[in-house]
């Protein structure tokens, strides 16, 4: 299924965005959706037909990239350093937190020193839910929703990070478990994405009880 993103193309034509995403492919629980700017519609039709057996092969993704490059270059957008930006979708619909590592919900910025790169104040301002592992008054690992629960429909994406020096202790998996248990209890499916090169992130998802349900690809270009 190809979904045309006319608004996105209009924004980059009018030079309103620093980032262009002319093609975005989502494979999710057996269904594939291709989001494309209008100029790439025919390109995506050919891509879907030619590479139906494996839409995420290097050959297939190179076909999309090469087909979009000239149009985007003319508007002043160039490829990112790592343009083959694909990875895995994981879903959790029911979860019970690992009680061996204690996590707590963070509701106020500044209560603990934050060692991760997540902006806790900004997350709280947008009502994003945060669960964290706290050691000696320091936030060493977090799992955070991408939006507020009130903004989510039936599915909500989360992200996680553990500070350098505290990794390989199971903290990310514990924080993800705690957050997903809270979200599942609200009747939400929890989505976790990771790039194919990030084996550690995929291991966190599996350890936290998530199932692999598909793949994703974003062709991202940035304004020069």
N, C-alpha and C. Protein backbone atom coordinates (compact mmCIF):
# COMPACT_ATOMS: atom_id res chain seq x y z
N UNK A 1 0.84 -1.19 0.00
CA UNK A 1 0.00 0.00 0.00
C UNK A 1 0.89 1.25 0.00
N UNK A 2 0.65 2.14 -0.95
CA UNK A 2 1.41 3.38 -1.05
C UNK A 2 0.54 4.54 -0.58
N UNK A 3 1.06 5.30 0.38
CA UNK A 3 0.34 6.44 0.94
C UNK A 3 1.09 7.70 0.56
N UNK A 4 0.44 8.60 -0.15
CA UNK A 4 1.10 9.81 -0.66
C UNK A 4 1.13 10.91 0.40
N UNK A 5 2.33 11.45 0.61
CA UNK A 5 2.54 12.52 1.59
C UNK A 5 2.75 13.85 0.85
N UNK A 6 1.66 14.43 0.39
CA UNK A 6 1.74 15.70 -0.36
C UNK A 6 2.23 16.83 0.52
N UNK A 7 1.78 16.85 1.77
CA UNK A 7 2.16 17.92 2.69
C UNK A 7 3.67 17.94 2.92
N UNK A 8 4.26 16.75 3.09
CA UNK A 8 5.70 16.67 3.33
C UNK A 8 6.49 17.23 2.17
N UNK A 9 6.08 16.88 0.93
CA UNK A 9 6.79 17.40 -0.24
C UNK A 9 6.63 18.91 -0.35
N UNK A 10 5.44 19.41 -0.07
CA UNK A 10 5.21 20.86 -0.13
C UNK A 10 6.11 21.60 0.86
N UNK A 11 6.29 21.01 2.05
CA UNK A 11 7.13 21.65 3.05
C UNK A 11 8.57 21.79 2.57
N UNK A 12 9.11 20.72 1.96
CA UNK A 12 10.51 20.84 1.53
C UNK A 12 10.64 21.72 0.29
N UNK A 13 9.62 21.74 -0.56
CA UNK A 13 9.66 22.64 -1.72
C UNK A 13 9.68 24.10 -1.27
N UNK A 14 8.99 24.37 -0.17
CA UNK A 14 8.91 25.73 0.36
C UNK A 14 10.04 26.03 1.35
N UNK A 15 10.96 25.07 1.48
CA UNK A 15 12.14 25.25 2.33
C UNK A 15 11.77 25.49 3.79
N UNK A 16 10.76 24.75 4.28
CA UNK A 16 10.31 24.92 5.65
C UNK A 16 10.93 23.91 6.62
N UNK A 17 11.50 22.83 6.09
CA UNK A 17 12.10 21.80 6.93
C UNK A 17 13.56 21.63 6.60
N UNK A 18 14.38 21.33 7.62
CA UNK A 18 15.79 21.01 7.39
C UNK A 18 15.98 19.53 7.04
N UNK A 19 14.95 18.73 7.25
CA UNK A 19 15.02 17.29 6.99
C UNK A 19 13.95 16.90 5.98
N UNK A 20 14.33 16.08 5.03
CA UNK A 20 13.38 15.54 4.05
C UNK A 20 13.34 14.02 4.18
N UNK A 21 12.14 13.46 4.15
CA UNK A 21 11.97 12.00 4.19
C UNK A 21 11.06 11.62 3.01
N UNK A 22 11.62 11.54 1.80
CA UNK A 22 10.79 11.30 0.62
C UNK A 22 10.14 9.92 0.58
N UNK A 23 10.78 8.94 1.26
CA UNK A 23 10.22 7.58 1.29
C UNK A 23 10.40 6.99 2.69
N UNK A 24 9.35 6.38 3.17
CA UNK A 24 9.36 5.73 4.49
C UNK A 24 8.55 4.44 4.35
N UNK A 25 9.17 3.31 4.65
CA UNK A 25 8.52 2.00 4.51
C UNK A 25 8.33 1.38 5.89
N UNK A 26 7.12 0.93 6.18
CA UNK A 26 6.82 0.27 7.44
C UNK A 26 6.22 -1.11 7.17
N UNK A 27 6.86 -2.12 7.71
CA UNK A 27 6.33 -3.48 7.67
C UNK A 27 5.94 -3.83 9.10
N UNK A 28 4.65 -4.14 9.28
CA UNK A 28 4.14 -4.26 10.64
C UNK A 28 3.06 -5.33 10.69
N UNK A 29 3.34 -6.42 11.41
CA UNK A 29 2.39 -7.51 11.59
C UNK A 29 1.78 -7.97 10.27
N UNK A 30 2.65 -8.19 9.26
CA UNK A 30 2.22 -8.73 7.98
C UNK A 30 1.73 -7.71 6.97
N UNK A 31 1.62 -6.45 7.36
CA UNK A 31 1.15 -5.40 6.45
C UNK A 31 2.30 -4.44 6.15
N UNK A 32 2.42 -4.06 4.87
CA UNK A 32 3.46 -3.11 4.47
C UNK A 32 2.82 -1.83 3.96
N UNK A 33 3.28 -0.70 4.49
CA UNK A 33 2.84 0.61 4.03
C UNK A 33 4.06 1.40 3.56
N UNK A 34 3.92 2.04 2.40
CA UNK A 34 5.00 2.87 1.85
C UNK A 34 4.50 4.31 1.81
N UNK A 35 5.15 5.18 2.56
CA UNK A 35 4.79 6.60 2.59
C UNK A 35 5.75 7.33 1.64
N UNK A 36 5.21 8.08 0.70
CA UNK A 36 6.06 8.68 -0.33
C UNK A 36 5.59 10.07 -0.70
N UNK A 37 6.56 10.96 -0.98
CA UNK A 37 6.22 12.23 -1.59
C UNK A 37 5.66 11.97 -2.99
N UNK A 38 4.80 12.85 -3.50
CA UNK A 38 4.19 12.62 -4.82
C UNK A 38 5.19 12.34 -5.94
N UNK A 39 6.34 13.03 -5.94
CA UNK A 39 7.31 12.82 -7.02
C UNK A 39 7.81 11.39 -7.05
N UNK A 40 7.76 10.69 -5.90
CA UNK A 40 8.31 9.32 -5.80
C UNK A 40 7.24 8.25 -5.93
N UNK A 41 6.02 8.61 -6.27
CA UNK A 41 4.91 7.64 -6.31
C UNK A 41 5.18 6.51 -7.31
N UNK A 42 5.54 6.86 -8.53
CA UNK A 42 5.80 5.83 -9.55
C UNK A 42 7.03 5.01 -9.20
N UNK A 43 8.03 5.66 -8.64
CA UNK A 43 9.23 4.96 -8.19
C UNK A 43 8.85 3.88 -7.17
N UNK A 44 7.98 4.22 -6.23
CA UNK A 44 7.59 3.27 -5.19
C UNK A 44 6.72 2.15 -5.73
N UNK A 45 5.92 2.44 -6.75
CA UNK A 45 5.14 1.38 -7.40
C UNK A 45 6.06 0.35 -8.03
N UNK A 46 7.11 0.84 -8.71
CA UNK A 46 8.07 -0.07 -9.34
C UNK A 46 8.86 -0.83 -8.28
N UNK A 47 9.26 -0.15 -7.22
CA UNK A 47 9.97 -0.79 -6.10
C UNK A 47 9.13 -1.92 -5.50
N UNK A 48 7.86 -1.66 -5.27
CA UNK A 48 6.97 -2.65 -4.67
C UNK A 48 6.82 -3.87 -5.59
N UNK A 49 6.78 -3.62 -6.89
CA UNK A 49 6.61 -4.71 -7.85
C UNK A 49 7.91 -5.50 -8.04
N UNK A 50 9.02 -4.80 -8.19
CA UNK A 50 10.29 -5.47 -8.49
C UNK A 50 10.87 -6.22 -7.31
N UNK A 51 10.65 -5.71 -6.10
CA UNK A 51 11.32 -6.28 -4.93
C UNK A 51 10.33 -6.87 -3.92
N UNK A 52 9.23 -7.37 -4.41
CA UNK A 52 8.16 -7.87 -3.53
C UNK A 52 8.63 -8.98 -2.61
N UNK A 53 9.64 -9.75 -3.03
CA UNK A 53 10.12 -10.86 -2.20
C UNK A 53 10.96 -10.37 -1.01
N UNK A 54 11.60 -9.21 -1.15
CA UNK A 54 12.39 -8.65 -0.05
C UNK A 54 12.53 -7.15 -0.25
N UNK A 55 11.61 -6.40 0.34
CA UNK A 55 11.61 -4.94 0.19
C UNK A 55 12.76 -4.27 0.92
N UNK A 56 13.45 -5.02 1.79
CA UNK A 56 14.51 -4.43 2.60
C UNK A 56 15.91 -4.92 2.20
N UNK A 57 16.02 -5.55 1.05
CA UNK A 57 17.34 -5.95 0.56
C UNK A 57 18.14 -4.70 0.22
N UNK A 58 19.47 -4.82 0.21
CA UNK A 58 20.31 -3.68 -0.14
C UNK A 58 19.98 -3.18 -1.54
N UNK A 59 19.73 -4.10 -2.47
CA UNK A 59 19.40 -3.72 -3.84
C UNK A 59 18.10 -2.91 -3.88
N UNK A 60 17.10 -3.35 -3.12
CA UNK A 60 15.81 -2.66 -3.11
C UNK A 60 15.94 -1.25 -2.54
N UNK A 61 16.67 -1.11 -1.44
CA UNK A 61 16.81 0.20 -0.81
C UNK A 61 17.68 1.13 -1.63
N UNK A 62 18.69 0.57 -2.31
CA UNK A 62 19.50 1.39 -3.21
C UNK A 62 18.65 1.91 -4.37
N UNK A 63 17.72 1.09 -4.84
CA UNK A 63 16.82 1.50 -5.92
C UNK A 63 16.01 2.72 -5.49
N UNK A 64 15.49 2.71 -4.27
CA UNK A 64 14.73 3.86 -3.77
C UNK A 64 15.62 5.09 -3.61
N UNK A 65 16.78 4.90 -3.02
CA UNK A 65 17.68 6.02 -2.78
C UNK A 65 18.09 6.69 -4.09
N UNK A 66 18.49 5.88 -5.05
CA UNK A 66 18.94 6.43 -6.33
C UNK A 66 17.81 7.15 -7.06
N UNK A 67 16.59 6.65 -6.89
CA UNK A 67 15.45 7.27 -7.55
C UNK A 67 15.04 8.59 -6.94
N UNK A 68 15.38 8.81 -5.68
CA UNK A 68 15.01 10.05 -4.98
C UNK A 68 16.11 11.11 -5.01
N UNK A 69 17.33 10.67 -5.24
CA UNK A 69 18.50 11.53 -5.00
C UNK A 69 18.49 12.81 -5.83
N UNK A 70 18.22 12.70 -7.11
CA UNK A 70 18.30 13.88 -7.99
C UNK A 70 17.30 14.96 -7.56
N UNK A 71 16.06 14.54 -7.30
CA UNK A 71 15.03 15.50 -6.89
C UNK A 71 15.45 16.23 -5.61
N UNK A 72 15.91 15.48 -4.64
CA UNK A 72 16.27 16.07 -3.34
C UNK A 72 17.52 16.94 -3.44
N UNK A 73 18.48 16.51 -4.24
CA UNK A 73 19.70 17.31 -4.42
C UNK A 73 19.39 18.68 -5.03
N UNK A 74 18.45 18.69 -5.98
CA UNK A 74 18.07 19.95 -6.62
C UNK A 74 17.50 20.95 -5.62
N UNK A 75 16.87 20.44 -4.56
CA UNK A 75 16.30 21.31 -3.53
C UNK A 75 17.27 21.59 -2.38
N UNK A 76 18.50 21.09 -2.51
CA UNK A 76 19.52 21.37 -1.50
C UNK A 76 19.58 20.39 -0.36
N UNK A 77 19.02 19.18 -0.55
CA UNK A 77 19.06 18.15 0.49
C UNK A 77 20.07 17.07 0.10
N UNK A 78 20.85 16.63 1.07
CA UNK A 78 21.87 15.61 0.83
C UNK A 78 21.67 14.44 1.79
N UNK A 79 22.18 13.28 1.37
CA UNK A 79 22.05 12.07 2.18
C UNK A 79 22.76 12.21 3.53
N UNK A 80 22.20 11.51 4.53
CA UNK A 80 22.90 11.39 5.80
C UNK A 80 24.13 10.50 5.60
N UNK A 81 24.95 10.44 6.63
CA UNK A 81 26.17 9.63 6.56
C UNK A 81 25.84 8.16 6.36
N UNK A 82 24.77 7.70 7.02
CA UNK A 82 24.38 6.29 6.92
C UNK A 82 22.97 6.21 6.34
N UNK A 83 22.84 6.27 5.01
CA UNK A 83 21.51 6.38 4.38
C UNK A 83 20.66 5.12 4.42
N UNK A 84 21.28 3.94 4.63
CA UNK A 84 20.49 2.71 4.68
C UNK A 84 19.91 2.56 6.08
N UNK A 85 18.93 3.39 6.33
CA UNK A 85 18.41 3.59 7.67
C UNK A 85 17.24 2.64 7.93
N UNK A 86 17.53 1.31 8.05
CA UNK A 86 16.43 0.38 8.30
C UNK A 86 16.72 -0.44 9.56
N UNK A 87 15.63 -0.95 10.11
CA UNK A 87 15.76 -1.73 11.33
C UNK A 87 14.50 -2.52 11.61
N UNK A 88 14.31 -2.87 12.88
CA UNK A 88 13.25 -3.80 13.27
C UNK A 88 12.20 -3.14 14.15
N UNK A 89 10.96 -3.57 13.95
CA UNK A 89 9.85 -3.17 14.81
C UNK A 89 9.55 -4.29 15.80
N UNK A 90 9.46 -3.93 17.06
CA UNK A 90 9.08 -4.88 18.11
C UNK A 90 7.81 -4.37 18.79
N UNK A 91 6.97 -5.31 19.22
CA UNK A 91 5.71 -4.95 19.89
C UNK A 91 5.56 -5.75 21.18
N UNK A 92 4.99 -5.08 22.17
CA UNK A 92 4.61 -5.74 23.42
C UNK A 92 3.16 -5.39 23.73
N UNK A 93 2.36 -6.40 24.03
CA UNK A 93 0.95 -6.16 24.35
C UNK A 93 0.61 -6.54 25.79
N UNK A 94 1.54 -7.21 26.44
CA UNK A 94 1.32 -7.60 27.84
C UNK A 94 2.68 -7.80 28.48
N UNK A 95 2.87 -7.25 29.66
CA UNK A 95 4.21 -7.33 30.27
C UNK A 95 4.12 -7.27 31.78
N UNK A 96 5.11 -7.88 32.42
CA UNK A 96 5.27 -7.79 33.86
C UNK A 96 6.70 -7.38 34.14
N UNK A 97 6.89 -6.34 34.89
CA UNK A 97 8.23 -5.80 35.12
C UNK A 97 9.11 -6.77 35.90
N UNK A 98 10.39 -6.74 35.57
CA UNK A 98 11.40 -7.52 36.28
C UNK A 98 11.64 -6.88 37.64
N UNK A 99 11.27 -7.58 38.71
CA UNK A 99 11.37 -7.01 40.05
C UNK A 99 12.79 -7.05 40.63
N UNK A 100 13.71 -7.70 39.92
CA UNK A 100 15.08 -7.80 40.45
C UNK A 100 15.83 -6.48 40.35
N UNK A 101 15.39 -5.60 39.44
CA UNK A 101 15.98 -4.27 39.32
C UNK A 101 14.85 -3.26 39.52
N UNK A 102 14.98 -2.44 40.53
CA UNK A 102 13.90 -1.51 40.87
C UNK A 102 13.94 -0.29 39.96
N UNK A 103 12.77 0.02 39.39
CA UNK A 103 12.62 1.22 38.56
C UNK A 103 11.53 2.10 39.17
N UNK A 104 11.63 3.37 38.93
CA UNK A 104 10.59 4.27 39.44
C UNK A 104 10.17 5.25 38.37
N UNK A 105 8.93 5.70 38.49
CA UNK A 105 8.43 6.68 37.55
C UNK A 105 8.96 8.06 37.94
N UNK A 106 9.47 8.79 36.97
CA UNK A 106 10.01 10.13 37.20
C UNK A 106 8.92 11.15 36.86
N UNK A 107 8.55 11.94 37.84
CA UNK A 107 7.48 12.91 37.67
C UNK A 107 7.95 14.36 37.82
N UNK A 108 9.18 14.55 38.27
CA UNK A 108 9.67 15.90 38.53
C UNK A 108 11.12 16.01 38.11
N UNK A 109 11.46 17.03 37.33
CA UNK A 109 12.83 17.25 36.92
C UNK A 109 13.66 17.78 38.09
N UNK A 110 14.91 17.36 38.15
CA UNK A 110 15.82 17.88 39.15
C UNK A 110 15.83 17.10 40.46
N UNK A 111 14.94 16.14 40.60
CA UNK A 111 14.95 15.34 41.83
C UNK A 111 16.23 14.52 41.92
N UNK A 112 16.69 14.03 40.75
CA UNK A 112 17.92 13.26 40.68
C UNK A 112 18.83 13.86 39.61
N UNK A 113 20.11 13.65 39.74
CA UNK A 113 21.04 14.03 38.68
C UNK A 113 20.86 13.06 37.53
N UNK A 114 20.69 13.59 36.32
CA UNK A 114 20.42 12.77 35.16
C UNK A 114 21.71 12.51 34.37
N UNK A 115 22.13 11.25 34.26
CA UNK A 115 23.35 10.90 33.54
C UNK A 115 23.08 10.51 32.09
N UNK A 116 21.83 10.43 31.69
CA UNK A 116 21.51 10.10 30.29
C UNK A 116 21.39 11.38 29.47
N UNK A 117 21.23 11.23 28.17
CA UNK A 117 21.10 12.41 27.31
C UNK A 117 19.65 12.83 27.10
N UNK A 118 18.70 12.09 27.66
CA UNK A 118 17.30 12.50 27.57
C UNK A 118 17.09 13.80 28.33
N UNK A 119 16.33 14.71 27.74
CA UNK A 119 15.98 15.97 28.40
C UNK A 119 14.74 15.73 29.25
N UNK A 120 14.96 15.47 30.53
CA UNK A 120 13.86 15.10 31.42
C UNK A 120 12.81 16.21 31.52
N UNK A 121 13.26 17.46 31.63
CA UNK A 121 12.32 18.58 31.75
C UNK A 121 11.42 18.67 30.52
N UNK A 122 12.00 18.52 29.35
CA UNK A 122 11.23 18.60 28.11
C UNK A 122 10.24 17.44 28.01
N UNK A 123 10.70 16.25 28.37
CA UNK A 123 9.81 15.08 28.33
C UNK A 123 8.60 15.29 29.25
N UNK A 124 8.85 15.79 30.43
CA UNK A 124 7.76 16.01 31.38
C UNK A 124 6.83 17.12 30.90
N UNK A 125 7.39 18.14 30.26
CA UNK A 125 6.58 19.25 29.76
C UNK A 125 5.59 18.77 28.71
N UNK A 126 5.99 17.75 27.93
CA UNK A 126 5.11 17.19 26.90
C UNK A 126 4.35 15.96 27.41
N UNK A 127 4.36 15.78 28.73
CA UNK A 127 3.61 14.70 29.39
C UNK A 127 4.01 13.32 28.91
N UNK A 128 5.28 13.17 28.54
CA UNK A 128 5.79 11.85 28.18
C UNK A 128 6.08 11.08 29.48
N UNK A 129 5.82 9.78 29.48
CA UNK A 129 5.98 8.97 30.68
C UNK A 129 7.41 8.46 30.76
N UNK A 130 8.01 8.57 31.94
CA UNK A 130 9.41 8.18 32.14
C UNK A 130 9.52 7.20 33.30
N UNK A 131 10.21 6.08 33.05
CA UNK A 131 10.61 5.17 34.12
C UNK A 131 12.12 5.09 34.11
N UNK A 132 12.73 5.03 35.28
CA UNK A 132 14.18 5.10 35.36
C UNK A 132 14.74 4.17 36.43
N UNK A 133 15.99 3.79 36.21
CA UNK A 133 16.79 3.12 37.23
C UNK A 133 17.63 4.20 37.89
N UNK A 134 17.53 4.30 39.20
CA UNK A 134 18.24 5.34 39.96
C UNK A 134 19.27 4.69 40.87
N UNK A 135 20.51 5.15 40.78
CA UNK A 135 21.60 4.65 41.61
C UNK A 135 22.28 5.82 42.31
N UNK A 136 22.29 5.80 43.63
CA UNK A 136 22.95 6.82 44.43
C UNK A 136 22.52 8.23 44.01
N UNK A 137 21.23 8.40 43.85
CA UNK A 137 20.69 9.71 43.51
C UNK A 137 20.90 10.14 42.07
N UNK A 138 21.26 9.20 41.21
CA UNK A 138 21.52 9.52 39.81
C UNK A 138 20.68 8.63 38.89
N UNK A 139 20.07 9.25 37.88
CA UNK A 139 19.35 8.49 36.87
C UNK A 139 20.38 7.91 35.91
N UNK A 140 20.49 6.57 35.91
CA UNK A 140 21.50 5.92 35.08
C UNK A 140 20.91 5.24 33.85
N UNK A 141 19.60 5.03 33.86
CA UNK A 141 18.94 4.41 32.72
C UNK A 141 17.49 4.85 32.68
N UNK A 142 16.97 5.10 31.47
CA UNK A 142 15.58 5.55 31.34
C UNK A 142 14.88 4.82 30.19
N UNK A 143 13.57 4.74 30.30
CA UNK A 143 12.70 4.35 29.20
C UNK A 143 11.62 5.42 29.14
N UNK A 144 11.36 5.95 27.95
CA UNK A 144 10.51 7.13 27.80
C UNK A 144 9.56 6.95 26.62
N UNK A 145 8.31 7.37 26.78
CA UNK A 145 7.37 7.35 25.66
C UNK A 145 7.68 8.49 24.69
N UNK A 146 7.29 8.31 23.42
CA UNK A 146 7.54 9.33 22.40
C UNK A 146 6.50 10.43 22.43
N UNK A 147 5.40 10.20 23.15
CA UNK A 147 4.31 11.17 23.24
C UNK A 147 3.54 10.93 24.53
N UNK A 148 2.57 11.77 24.80
CA UNK A 148 1.73 11.58 25.99
C UNK A 148 0.74 10.45 25.76
N UNK A 149 0.27 9.86 26.83
CA UNK A 149 -0.74 8.79 26.71
C UNK A 149 -2.01 9.34 26.07
N UNK A 150 -2.36 10.56 26.38
CA UNK A 150 -3.59 11.15 25.84
C UNK A 150 -3.51 11.35 24.33
N UNK A 151 -2.28 11.49 23.79
CA UNK A 151 -2.11 11.69 22.35
C UNK A 151 -2.09 10.36 21.59
N UNK A 152 -1.76 9.28 22.30
CA UNK A 152 -1.65 7.98 21.64
C UNK A 152 -3.04 7.42 21.32
N UNK A 153 -3.10 6.59 20.30
CA UNK A 153 -4.37 5.92 19.97
C UNK A 153 -4.34 4.53 20.58
N UNK A 154 -3.96 3.53 19.79
CA UNK A 154 -3.90 2.19 20.36
C UNK A 154 -2.46 1.69 20.50
N UNK A 155 -1.51 2.50 20.01
CA UNK A 155 -0.11 2.09 20.05
C UNK A 155 0.76 3.29 20.41
N UNK A 156 1.83 3.04 21.17
CA UNK A 156 2.70 4.12 21.58
C UNK A 156 4.15 3.65 21.51
N UNK A 157 5.02 4.50 20.96
CA UNK A 157 6.43 4.14 20.80
C UNK A 157 7.22 4.58 22.02
N UNK A 158 8.24 3.79 22.38
CA UNK A 158 9.11 4.15 23.49
C UNK A 158 10.57 4.10 23.05
N UNK A 159 11.41 4.79 23.82
CA UNK A 159 12.85 4.75 23.60
C UNK A 159 13.55 4.54 24.92
N UNK A 160 14.80 4.15 24.86
CA UNK A 160 15.55 3.88 26.10
C UNK A 160 17.01 4.25 25.94
N UNK A 161 17.65 4.51 27.05
CA UNK A 161 19.09 4.79 27.06
C UNK A 161 19.66 4.50 28.44
N UNK A 162 20.85 3.93 28.46
CA UNK A 162 21.59 3.74 29.70
C UNK A 162 22.89 4.52 29.61
N UNK A 163 23.23 5.23 30.66
CA UNK A 163 24.44 6.05 30.66
C UNK A 163 25.69 5.19 30.53
N UNK A 164 26.70 5.76 29.87
CA UNK A 164 27.99 5.08 29.73
C UNK A 164 28.54 4.77 31.13
N UNK A 165 29.05 3.57 31.28
CA UNK A 165 29.58 3.14 32.57
C UNK A 165 28.58 2.32 33.37
N UNK A 166 27.32 2.31 32.92
CA UNK A 166 26.29 1.55 33.63
C UNK A 166 25.64 0.52 32.71
N UNK A 167 26.20 0.33 31.54
CA UNK A 167 25.61 -0.59 30.57
C UNK A 167 25.99 -2.05 30.88
N UNK A 168 25.27 -2.96 30.24
CA UNK A 168 25.47 -4.41 30.39
C UNK A 168 25.11 -4.90 31.79
N UNK A 169 24.19 -4.19 32.44
CA UNK A 169 23.71 -4.61 33.76
C UNK A 169 22.21 -4.94 33.73
N UNK A 170 21.61 -4.88 32.56
CA UNK A 170 20.18 -5.16 32.44
C UNK A 170 19.28 -3.99 32.79
N UNK A 171 19.86 -2.79 32.91
CA UNK A 171 19.08 -1.63 33.35
C UNK A 171 18.07 -1.18 32.28
N UNK A 172 18.50 -1.15 31.01
CA UNK A 172 17.57 -0.72 29.96
C UNK A 172 16.38 -1.66 29.86
N UNK A 173 16.66 -2.96 29.90
CA UNK A 173 15.57 -3.94 29.82
C UNK A 173 14.61 -3.78 30.99
N UNK A 174 15.16 -3.51 32.19
CA UNK A 174 14.31 -3.32 33.36
C UNK A 174 13.44 -2.08 33.23
N UNK A 175 14.03 -0.99 32.75
CA UNK A 175 13.25 0.25 32.57
C UNK A 175 12.18 0.08 31.49
N UNK A 176 12.54 -0.60 30.41
CA UNK A 176 11.57 -0.86 29.34
C UNK A 176 10.44 -1.75 29.86
N UNK A 177 10.77 -2.77 30.67
CA UNK A 177 9.75 -3.64 31.27
C UNK A 177 8.78 -2.83 32.14
N UNK A 178 9.35 -1.99 33.00
CA UNK A 178 8.52 -1.21 33.91
C UNK A 178 7.60 -0.26 33.15
N UNK A 179 8.14 0.42 32.15
CA UNK A 179 7.33 1.35 31.37
C UNK A 179 6.26 0.62 30.57
N UNK A 180 6.64 -0.49 29.93
CA UNK A 180 5.67 -1.20 29.10
C UNK A 180 4.59 -1.86 29.94
N UNK A 181 4.92 -2.30 31.16
CA UNK A 181 3.89 -2.84 32.05
C UNK A 181 2.84 -1.76 32.35
N UNK A 182 3.32 -0.55 32.63
CA UNK A 182 2.41 0.57 32.91
C UNK A 182 1.53 0.87 31.70
N UNK A 183 2.13 0.89 30.52
CA UNK A 183 1.40 1.24 29.30
C UNK A 183 0.42 0.14 28.88
N UNK A 184 0.85 -1.11 29.00
CA UNK A 184 -0.03 -2.23 28.65
C UNK A 184 -1.27 -2.24 29.55
N UNK A 185 -1.07 -1.87 30.82
CA UNK A 185 -2.20 -1.81 31.75
C UNK A 185 -3.20 -0.73 31.35
N UNK A 186 -2.74 0.24 30.55
CA UNK A 186 -3.62 1.29 30.02
C UNK A 186 -4.32 0.85 28.73
N UNK A 187 -4.05 -0.38 28.29
CA UNK A 187 -4.67 -0.89 27.07
C UNK A 187 -3.94 -0.54 25.80
N UNK A 188 -2.68 -0.13 25.91
CA UNK A 188 -1.89 0.27 24.74
C UNK A 188 -0.93 -0.83 24.29
N UNK A 189 -0.71 -0.92 22.99
CA UNK A 189 0.39 -1.71 22.47
C UNK A 189 1.63 -0.84 22.55
N UNK A 190 2.76 -1.45 22.84
CA UNK A 190 3.99 -0.68 22.99
C UNK A 190 4.94 -1.03 21.85
N UNK A 191 5.40 -0.02 21.12
CA UNK A 191 6.27 -0.18 19.96
C UNK A 191 7.70 0.20 20.32
N UNK A 192 8.63 -0.65 19.92
CA UNK A 192 10.06 -0.43 20.16
C UNK A 192 10.77 -0.62 18.82
N UNK A 193 11.55 0.38 18.40
CA UNK A 193 12.28 0.31 17.13
C UNK A 193 13.78 0.28 17.39
N UNK A 194 14.52 -0.46 16.58
CA UNK A 194 15.98 -0.38 16.67
C UNK A 194 16.59 -0.65 15.30
N UNK A 195 17.72 -0.03 15.03
CA UNK A 195 18.40 -0.21 13.76
C UNK A 195 19.06 -1.58 13.70
N UNK A 196 19.22 -2.07 12.47
CA UNK A 196 19.73 -3.43 12.30
C UNK A 196 21.14 -3.61 12.85
N UNK A 197 21.95 -2.54 12.85
CA UNK A 197 23.32 -2.64 13.36
C UNK A 197 23.37 -2.70 14.89
N UNK A 198 22.27 -2.33 15.53
CA UNK A 198 22.28 -2.20 17.00
C UNK A 198 21.80 -3.49 17.65
N UNK A 199 22.67 -4.47 17.68
CA UNK A 199 22.32 -5.77 18.26
C UNK A 199 21.99 -5.65 19.75
N UNK A 200 22.66 -4.73 20.45
CA UNK A 200 22.40 -4.56 21.88
C UNK A 200 20.98 -4.07 22.13
N UNK A 201 20.51 -3.16 21.29
CA UNK A 201 19.15 -2.63 21.44
C UNK A 201 18.11 -3.72 21.15
N UNK A 202 18.36 -4.53 20.11
CA UNK A 202 17.45 -5.64 19.81
C UNK A 202 17.41 -6.62 20.97
N UNK A 203 18.55 -6.85 21.60
CA UNK A 203 18.61 -7.76 22.75
C UNK A 203 17.79 -7.22 23.92
N UNK A 204 17.81 -5.89 24.10
CA UNK A 204 17.00 -5.27 25.16
C UNK A 204 15.52 -5.54 24.91
N UNK A 205 15.09 -5.34 23.66
CA UNK A 205 13.68 -5.57 23.32
C UNK A 205 13.26 -7.00 23.62
N UNK A 206 14.06 -7.94 23.20
CA UNK A 206 13.71 -9.35 23.42
C UNK A 206 13.72 -9.71 24.91
N UNK A 207 14.72 -9.20 25.63
CA UNK A 207 14.79 -9.48 27.07
C UNK A 207 13.60 -8.88 27.81
N UNK A 208 13.08 -7.76 27.29
CA UNK A 208 11.95 -7.08 27.93
C UNK A 208 10.60 -7.67 27.51
N UNK A 209 10.63 -8.74 26.72
CA UNK A 209 9.39 -9.43 26.39
C UNK A 209 8.70 -8.94 25.13
N UNK A 210 9.44 -8.28 24.25
CA UNK A 210 8.87 -7.78 23.00
C UNK A 210 9.04 -8.81 21.89
N UNK A 211 8.11 -8.82 20.94
CA UNK A 211 8.17 -9.71 19.79
C UNK A 211 8.47 -8.92 18.53
N UNK A 212 9.35 -9.45 17.68
CA UNK A 212 9.64 -8.80 16.41
C UNK A 212 8.45 -8.97 15.48
N UNK A 213 7.95 -7.84 14.92
CA UNK A 213 6.74 -7.91 14.09
C UNK A 213 6.94 -7.32 12.69
N UNK A 214 8.15 -6.86 12.39
CA UNK A 214 8.36 -6.27 11.07
C UNK A 214 9.62 -5.44 11.00
N UNK A 215 9.72 -4.65 9.93
CA UNK A 215 10.90 -3.82 9.70
C UNK A 215 10.46 -2.41 9.30
N UNK A 216 11.43 -1.48 9.30
CA UNK A 216 11.16 -0.11 8.85
C UNK A 216 12.35 0.41 8.06
N UNK A 217 12.08 1.38 7.20
CA UNK A 217 13.14 2.07 6.46
C UNK A 217 12.75 3.53 6.29
N UNK A 218 13.65 4.42 6.65
CA UNK A 218 13.46 5.85 6.41
C UNK A 218 14.60 6.32 5.51
N UNK A 219 14.26 6.95 4.38
CA UNK A 219 15.30 7.57 3.58
C UNK A 219 15.35 9.04 3.99
N UNK A 220 16.37 9.39 4.76
CA UNK A 220 16.45 10.72 5.38
C UNK A 220 17.55 11.54 4.71
N UNK A 221 17.20 12.77 4.31
CA UNK A 221 18.18 13.72 3.77
C UNK A 221 18.11 15.01 4.57
N UNK A 222 19.21 15.72 4.61
CA UNK A 222 19.28 16.96 5.39
C UNK A 222 19.68 18.14 4.51
N UNK A 223 19.21 19.31 4.91
CA UNK A 223 19.54 20.52 4.17
C UNK A 223 21.02 20.82 4.29
N UNK A 224 21.64 21.13 3.18
CA UNK A 224 23.07 21.43 3.19
C UNK A 224 23.33 22.78 3.82
